């Protein structure tokens, strides 16, 4: 029962992270003009060293958690779990 709950939570996590990544990299065309104007202004703004470090650290943490969830989905005590 615990393994089933773990698998369901990992699949849910992977789907939600994938949906967020999809929306970030492929936004829909139905974005209001105010949002587009803000994004056009915001993107070229320079980042400080701390902002750049924190954004890189966040991206690395997201990737590590994503790949760890995939690994946990298929591993149990060092042995593969067959779906």
Protein backbone atom coordinates (compact mmCIF):
# COMPACT_ATOMS: atom_id res chain seq x y z
CA UNK A 1 0.00 0.00 0.00
CA UNK A 2 2.86 2.41 0.82
CA UNK A 3 4.49 1.73 -2.55
CA UNK A 4 1.22 2.48 -4.34
CA UNK A 5 0.84 5.80 -2.52
CA UNK A 6 4.48 6.64 -3.32
CA UNK A 7 3.97 5.83 -7.01
CA UNK A 8 0.79 7.90 -7.22
CA UNK A 9 2.42 10.89 -5.52
CA UNK A 10 5.51 10.66 -7.74
CA UNK A 11 3.43 10.46 -10.92
CA UNK A 12 1.35 13.42 -9.74
CA UNK A 13 4.51 15.41 -8.99
CA UNK A 14 6.04 14.57 -12.36
CA UNK A 15 2.86 15.57 -14.20
CA UNK A 16 2.55 18.86 -12.35
CA UNK A 17 6.21 19.80 -12.90
CA UNK A 18 5.92 18.84 -16.56
CA UNK A 19 2.81 21.02 -16.91
CA UNK A 20 4.58 23.98 -15.33
CA UNK A 21 7.59 23.53 -17.62
CA UNK A 22 5.31 23.27 -20.63
CA UNK A 23 3.50 26.48 -19.68
CA UNK A 24 6.79 28.31 -19.06
CA UNK A 25 8.44 27.32 -22.33
CA UNK A 26 5.28 27.30 -24.50
CA UNK A 27 2.90 29.94 -23.14
CA UNK A 28 -0.52 30.21 -24.67
CA UNK A 29 -1.28 33.00 -27.12
CA UNK A 30 -4.21 34.24 -25.02
CA UNK A 31 -2.02 36.38 -22.77
CA UNK A 32 -3.40 39.90 -22.11
CA UNK A 33 -1.51 42.78 -23.72
CA UNK A 34 -0.61 44.21 -20.31
CA UNK A 35 1.17 40.98 -19.40
CA UNK A 36 3.00 40.92 -22.74
CA UNK A 37 4.07 44.55 -22.24
CA UNK A 38 5.39 43.78 -18.77
CA UNK A 39 7.26 40.69 -20.02
CA UNK A 40 8.83 42.71 -22.85
CA UNK A 41 10.01 45.25 -20.29
CA UNK A 42 11.08 42.71 -17.66
CA UNK A 43 13.15 40.27 -19.76
CA UNK A 44 15.93 42.70 -20.79
CA UNK A 45 16.36 44.03 -17.25
CA UNK A 46 19.79 43.04 -15.87
CA UNK A 47 19.93 40.67 -12.90
CA UNK A 48 22.16 41.14 -9.91
CA UNK A 49 24.64 38.40 -9.04
CA UNK A 50 22.41 37.18 -6.20
CA UNK A 51 19.31 37.01 -8.44
CA UNK A 52 21.26 35.10 -11.07
CA UNK A 53 22.65 32.69 -8.46
CA UNK A 54 19.24 32.08 -6.88
CA UNK A 55 17.55 31.48 -10.24
CA UNK A 56 20.29 29.04 -11.28
CA UNK A 57 20.08 27.30 -7.91
CA UNK A 58 16.30 27.01 -8.23
CA UNK A 59 16.57 25.54 -11.73
CA UNK A 60 19.16 23.00 -10.57
CA UNK A 61 17.03 22.04 -7.55
CA UNK A 62 13.98 21.59 -9.79
CA UNK A 63 15.91 19.34 -12.18
CA UNK A 64 17.39 17.29 -9.34
CA UNK A 65 13.97 16.79 -7.76
CA UNK A 66 12.46 15.88 -11.15
CA UNK A 67 15.10 13.24 -11.90
CA UNK A 68 15.00 11.97 -8.31
CA UNK A 69 11.25 11.46 -8.59
CA UNK A 70 11.78 9.48 -11.79
CA UNK A 71 14.45 7.37 -10.09
CA UNK A 72 12.26 6.78 -7.02
CA UNK A 73 9.45 5.69 -9.30
CA UNK A 74 11.54 2.79 -10.60
CA UNK A 75 13.74 1.93 -7.60
CA UNK A 76 13.05 0.36 -4.24
CA UNK A 77 15.90 -0.54 -1.88
CA UNK A 78 18.30 -0.54 -4.81
CA UNK A 79 16.16 -2.97 -6.82
CA UNK A 80 13.99 -2.01 -9.79
CA UNK A 81 10.22 -1.86 -9.41
CA UNK A 82 8.44 -3.35 -12.38
CA UNK A 83 5.32 -1.48 -13.39
